[in-house]
Amino acid sequence: MSAMERFEALRSRHAQLEQELNDETHRPLPNTEIMSRIKREKLRIKDEMARLDPVHC
C-alpha cells in the first residue's frame, strides 16, 4: 500500500468514525465511554495522516 493509498484509507476511516460519533451523540442516552474511544481513535488517525502528508491535514 502506497502512502497515498494509506492516507485515503485513513481519511475514509476518519469520516466513518465521525459518523459513528455523530450517531452516538444523538442517541437518547449517549455512551460517554464509546464517545471517548471514538474520539481517541479519530485523533490517532489524524496524527498518522499528518505524518504521512502534513499539507492535507
PDB file of N, CA and C in Angstrom:
ATOM      1  N   MET A   1       0.856  -1.179   0.000  1.00  0.00           N
ATOM      2  CA  MET A   1       0.000   0.000   0.000  1.00  0.00           C
ATOM      3  C   MET A   1       0.898   1.236   0.000  1.00  0.00           C
ATOM      4  N   SER A   2       0.665   2.095  -0.971  1.00  0.00           N
ATOM      5  CA  SER A   2       1.449   3.324  -1.044  1.00  0.00           C
ATOM      6  C   SER A   2       1.009   4.295   0.051  1.00  0.00           C
ATOM      7  N   ALA A   3       1.815   5.318   0.256  1.00  0.00           N
ATOM      8  CA  ALA A   3       1.485   6.312   1.280  1.00  0.00           C
ATOM      9  C   ALA A   3       0.174   7.014   0.957  1.00  0.00           C
ATOM     10  N   MET A   4      -0.062   7.283  -0.325  1.00  0.00           N
ATOM     11  CA  MET A   4      -1.298   7.953  -0.713  1.00  0.00           C
ATOM     12  C   MET A   4      -2.511   7.039  -0.487  1.00  0.00           C
ATOM     13  N   GLU A   5      -2.366   5.759  -0.777  1.00  0.00           N
ATOM     14  CA  GLU A   5      -3.461   4.810  -0.517  1.00  0.00           C
ATOM     15  C   GLU A   5      -3.736   4.709   0.975  1.00  0.00           C
ATOM     16  N   ARG A   6      -2.682   4.687   1.765  1.00  0.00           N
ATOM     17  CA  ARG A   6      -2.835   4.646   3.219  1.00  0.00           C
ATOM     18  C   ARG A   6      -3.538   5.906   3.713  1.00  0.00           C
ATOM     19  N   PHE A   7      -3.125   7.048   3.174  1.00  0.00           N
ATOM     20  CA  PHE A   7      -3.741   8.319   3.548  1.00  0.00           C
ATOM     21  C   PHE A   7      -5.235   8.297   3.233  1.00  0.00           C
ATOM     22  N   GLU A   8      -5.603   7.820   2.059  1.00  0.00           N
ATOM     23  CA  GLU A   8      -7.015   7.760   1.665  1.00  0.00           C
ATOM     24  C   GLU A   8      -7.793   6.791   2.556  1.00  0.00           C
ATOM     25  N   ALA A   9      -7.181   5.673   2.912  1.00  0.00           N
ATOM     26  CA  ALA A   9      -7.828   4.713   3.810  1.00  0.00           C
ATOM     27  C   ALA A   9      -8.061   5.352   5.184  1.00  0.00           C
ATOM     28  N   LEU A  10      -7.076   6.088   5.659  1.00  0.00           N
ATOM     29  CA  LEU A  10      -7.212   6.768   6.949  1.00  0.00           C
ATOM     30  C   LEU A  10      -8.290   7.843   6.887  1.00  0.00           C
ATOM     31  N   ARG A  11      -8.331   8.585   5.779  1.00  0.00           N
ATOM     32  CA  ARG A  11      -9.340   9.627   5.637  1.00  0.00           C
ATOM     33  C   ARG A  11     -10.745   9.007   5.641  1.00  0.00           C
ATOM     34  N   SER A  12     -10.887   7.879   4.980  1.00  0.00           N
ATOM     35  CA  SER A  12     -12.173   7.183   4.942  1.00  0.00           C
ATOM     36  C   SER A  12     -12.571   6.697   6.338  1.00  0.00           C
ATOM     37  N   ARG A  13     -11.621   6.112   7.053  1.00  0.00           N
ATOM     38  CA  ARG A  13     -11.892   5.632   8.412  1.00  0.00           C
ATOM     39  C   ARG A  13     -12.237   6.799   9.335  1.00  0.00           C
ATOM     40  N   HIS A  14     -11.557   7.922   9.174  1.00  0.00           N
ATOM     41  CA  HIS A  14     -11.815   9.109   9.984  1.00  0.00           C
ATOM     42  C   HIS A  14     -13.248   9.585   9.756  1.00  0.00           C
ATOM     43  N   ALA A  15     -13.683   9.601   8.506  1.00  0.00           N
ATOM     44  CA  ALA A  15     -15.055  10.016   8.186  1.00  0.00           C
ATOM     45  C   ALA A  15     -16.071   9.043   8.776  1.00  0.00           C
ATOM     46  N   GLN A  16     -15.755   7.758   8.730  1.00  0.00           N
ATOM     47  CA  GLN A  16     -16.634   6.741   9.306  1.00  0.00           C
ATOM     48  C   GLN A  16     -16.768   6.950  10.819  1.00  0.00           C
ATOM     49  N   LEU A  17     -15.653   7.218  11.475  1.00  0.00           N
ATOM     50  CA  LEU A  17     -15.677   7.465  12.917  1.00  0.00           C
ATOM     51  C   LEU A  17     -16.453   8.733  13.244  1.00  0.00           C
ATOM     52  N   GLU A  18     -16.335   9.743  12.401  1.00  0.00           N
ATOM     53  CA  GLU A  18     -17.094  10.977  12.601  1.00  0.00           C
ATOM     54  C   GLU A  18     -18.591  10.687  12.578  1.00  0.00           C
ATOM     55  N   GLN A  19     -19.015   9.832  11.645  1.00  0.00           N
ATOM     56  CA  GLN A  19     -20.429   9.463  11.569  1.00  0.00           C
ATOM     57  C   GLN A  19     -20.850   8.664  12.803  1.00  0.00           C
ATOM     58  N   GLU A  20     -19.991   7.744  13.233  1.00  0.00           N
ATOM     59  CA  GLU A  20     -20.295   6.964  14.438  1.00  0.00           C
ATOM     60  C   GLU A  20     -20.433   7.885  15.653  1.00  0.00           C
ATOM     61  N   LEU A  21     -19.542   8.851  15.764  1.00  0.00           N
ATOM     62  CA  LEU A  21     -19.591   9.800  16.876  1.00  0.00           C
ATOM     63  C   LEU A  21     -20.878  10.626  16.809  1.00  0.00           C
ATOM     64  N   ASN A  22     -21.233  11.070  15.626  1.00  0.00           N
ATOM     65  CA  ASN A  22     -22.456  11.830  15.435  1.00  0.00           C
ATOM     66  C   ASN A  22     -23.679  10.987  15.827  1.00  0.00           C
ATOM     67  N   ASP A  23     -23.696   9.736  15.394  1.00  0.00           N
ATOM     68  CA  ASP A  23     -24.806   8.832  15.739  1.00  0.00           C
ATOM     69  C   ASP A  23     -24.906   8.650  17.252  1.00  0.00           C
ATOM     70  N   GLU A  24     -23.763   8.423  17.888  1.00  0.00           N
ATOM     71  CA  GLU A  24     -23.753   8.202  19.336  1.00  0.00           C
ATOM     72  C   GLU A  24     -24.193   9.464  20.081  1.00  0.00           C
ATOM     73  N   THR A  25     -23.753  10.612  19.619  1.00  0.00           N
ATOM     74  CA  THR A  25     -24.092  11.886  20.252  1.00  0.00           C
ATOM     75  C   THR A  25     -25.597  12.144  20.237  1.00  0.00           C
ATOM     76  N   HIS A  26     -26.250  11.702  19.178  1.00  0.00           N
ATOM     77  CA  HIS A  26     -27.677  11.977  19.030  1.00  0.00           C
ATOM     78  C   HIS A  26     -28.580  10.872  19.577  1.00  0.00           C
ATOM     79  N   ARG A  27     -28.004   9.904  20.238  1.00  0.00           N
ATOM     80  CA  ARG A  27     -28.817   8.885  20.912  1.00  0.00           C
ATOM     81  C   ARG A  27     -29.455   9.514  22.144  1.00  0.00           C
ATOM     82  N   PRO A  28     -30.579   8.946  22.601  1.00  0.00           N
ATOM     83  CA  PRO A  28     -31.212   9.490  23.815  1.00  0.00           C
ATOM     84  C   PRO A  28     -30.271   9.504  25.029  1.00  0.00           C
ATOM     85  N   LEU A  29     -29.484   8.452  25.179  1.00  0.00           N
ATOM     86  CA  LEU A  29     -28.503   8.380  26.273  1.00  0.00           C
ATOM     87  C   LEU A  29     -27.142   8.000  25.700  1.00  0.00           C
ATOM     88  N   PRO A  30     -26.384   8.982  25.220  1.00  0.00           N
ATOM     89  CA  PRO A  30     -25.080   8.678  24.618  1.00  0.00           C
ATOM     90  C   PRO A  30     -24.143   7.996  25.617  1.00  0.00           C
ATOM     91  N   ASN A  31     -23.403   7.024  25.132  1.00  0.00           N
ATOM     92  CA  ASN A  31     -22.434   6.308  25.957  1.00  0.00           C
ATOM     93  C   ASN A  31     -21.111   7.072  25.905  1.00  0.00           C
ATOM     94  N   THR A  32     -20.746   7.693  27.005  1.00  0.00           N
ATOM     95  CA  THR A  32     -19.537   8.526  27.031  1.00  0.00           C
ATOM     96  C   THR A  32     -18.260   7.710  26.838  1.00  0.00           C
ATOM     97  N   GLU A  33     -18.270   6.454  27.252  1.00  0.00           N
ATOM     98  CA  GLU A  33     -17.094   5.600  27.036  1.00  0.00           C
ATOM     99  C   GLU A  33     -16.883   5.349  25.550  1.00  0.00           C
ATOM    100  N   ILE A  34     -17.952   5.071  24.837  1.00  0.00           N
ATOM    101  CA  ILE A  34     -17.866   4.856  23.389  1.00  0.00           C
ATOM    102  C   ILE A  34     -17.423   6.150  22.705  1.00  0.00           C
ATOM    103  N   MET A  35     -17.995   7.267  23.132  1.00  0.00           N
ATOM    104  CA  MET A  35     -17.626   8.548  22.532  1.00  0.00           C
ATOM    105  C   MET A  35     -16.148   8.844  22.759  1.00  0.00           C
ATOM    106  N   SER A  36     -15.634   8.561  23.923  1.00  0.00           N
ATOM    107  CA  SER A  36     -14.218   8.781  24.221  1.00  0.00           C
ATOM    108  C   SER A  36     -13.336   7.886  23.357  1.00  0.00           C
ATOM    109  N   ARG A  37     -13.731   6.633  23.182  1.00  0.00           N
ATOM    110  CA  ARG A  37     -12.968   5.693  22.355  1.00  0.00           C
ATOM    111  C   ARG A  37     -12.912   6.189  20.913  1.00  0.00           C
ATOM    112  N   ILE A  38     -14.052   6.625  20.400  1.00  0.00           N
ATOM    113  CA  ILE A  38     -14.111   7.126  19.024  1.00  0.00           C
ATOM    114  C   ILE A  38     -13.230   8.366  18.871  1.00  0.00           C
ATOM    115  N   LYS A  39     -13.309   9.272  19.817  1.00  0.00           N
ATOM    116  CA  LYS A  39     -12.503  10.495  19.748  1.00  0.00           C
ATOM    117  C   LYS A  39     -11.012  10.184  19.785  1.00  0.00           C
ATOM    118  N   ARG A  40     -10.608   9.239  20.633  1.00  0.00           N
ATOM    119  CA  ARG A  40      -9.191   8.855  20.694  1.00  0.00           C
ATOM    120  C   ARG A  40      -8.737   8.249  19.371  1.00  0.00           C
ATOM    121  N   GLU A  41      -9.574   7.393  18.791  1.00  0.00           N
ATOM    122  CA  GLU A  41      -9.233   6.760  17.519  1.00  0.00           C
ATOM    123  C   GLU A  41      -9.139   7.808  16.397  1.00  0.00           C
ATOM    124  N   LYS A  42     -10.065   8.760  16.393  1.00  0.00           N
ATOM    125  CA  LYS A  42     -10.020   9.821  15.390  1.00  0.00           C
ATOM    126  C   LYS A  42      -8.717  10.623  15.514  1.00  0.00           C
ATOM    127  N   LEU A  43      -8.320  10.929  16.731  1.00  0.00           N
ATOM    128  CA  LEU A  43      -7.089  11.683  16.953  1.00  0.00           C
ATOM    129  C   LEU A  43      -5.868  10.880  16.505  1.00  0.00           C
ATOM    130  N   ARG A  44      -5.842   9.591  16.803  1.00  0.00           N
ATOM    131  CA  ARG A  44      -4.737   8.729  16.369  1.00  0.00           C
ATOM    132  C   ARG A  44      -4.638   8.726  14.847  1.00  0.00           C
ATOM    133  N   ILE A  45      -5.774   8.617  14.192  1.00  0.00           N
ATOM    134  CA  ILE A  45      -5.792   8.611  12.731  1.00  0.00           C
ATOM    135  C   ILE A  45      -5.337   9.959  12.185  1.00  0.00           C
ATOM    136  N   LYS A  46      -5.826  11.043  12.766  1.00  0.00           N
ATOM    137  CA  LYS A  46      -5.439  12.383  12.319  1.00  0.00           C
ATOM    138  C   LYS A  46      -3.926  12.576  12.462  1.00  0.00           C
ATOM    139  N   ASP A  47      -3.351  12.090  13.555  1.00  0.00           N
ATOM    140  CA  ASP A  47      -1.903  12.191  13.758  1.00  0.00           C
ATOM    141  C   ASP A  47      -1.150  11.402  12.684  1.00  0.00           C
ATOM    142  N   GLU A  48      -1.630  10.202  12.373  1.00  0.00           N
ATOM    143  CA  GLU A  48      -0.971   9.397  11.345  1.00  0.00           C
ATOM    144  C   GLU A  48      -1.098  10.068   9.977  1.00  0.00           C
ATOM    145  N   MET A  49      -2.248  10.651   9.702  1.00  0.00           N
ATOM    146  CA  MET A  49      -2.439  11.374   8.442  1.00  0.00           C
ATOM    147  C   MET A  49      -1.462  12.535   8.345  1.00  0.00           C
ATOM    148  N   ALA A  50      -1.255  13.236   9.433  1.00  0.00           N
ATOM    149  CA  ALA A  50      -0.332  14.368   9.451  1.00  0.00           C
ATOM    150  C   ALA A  50       1.102  13.904   9.200  1.00  0.00           C
ATOM    151  N   ARG A  51       1.468  12.752   9.719  1.00  0.00           N
ATOM    152  CA  ARG A  51       2.810  12.228   9.478  1.00  0.00           C
ATOM    153  C   ARG A  51       2.980  11.847   8.015  1.00  0.00           C
ATOM    154  N   LEU A  52       1.931  11.317   7.405  1.00  0.00           N
ATOM    155  CA  LEU A  52       2.022  10.894   6.004  1.00  0.00           C
ATOM    156  C   LEU A  52       2.037  12.070   5.049  1.00  0.00           C
ATOM    157  N   ASP A  53       1.217  13.083   5.325  1.00  0.00           N
ATOM    158  CA  ASP A  53       1.090  14.205   4.393  1.00  0.00           C
ATOM    159  C   ASP A  53       0.590  15.440   5.140  1.00  0.00           C
ATOM    160  N   PRO A  54       1.505  16.214   5.723  1.00  0.00           N
ATOM    161  CA  PRO A  54       1.107  17.370   6.536  1.00  0.00           C
ATOM    162  C   PRO A  54       0.360  18.441   5.748  1.00  0.00           C
ATOM    163  N   VAL A  55       0.475  18.483   4.444  1.00  0.00           N
ATOM    164  CA  VAL A  55      -0.185  19.500   3.633  1.00  0.00           C
ATOM    165  C   VAL A  55      -1.712  19.291   3.622  1.00  0.00           C
ATOM    166  N   HIS A  56      -2.172  18.062   3.674  1.00  0.00           N
ATOM    167  CA  HIS A  56      -3.596  17.762   3.568  1.00  0.00           C
ATOM    168  C   HIS A  56      -4.342  17.798   4.887  1.00  0.00           C
ATOM    169  N   CYS A  57      -3.676  18.003   5.997  1.00  0.00           N
ATOM    170  CA  CYS A  57      -4.361  17.958   7.299  1.00  0.00           C
ATOM    171  C   CYS A  57      -4.647  19.324   7.845  1.00  0.00           C
TER     172      CYS A  57
END
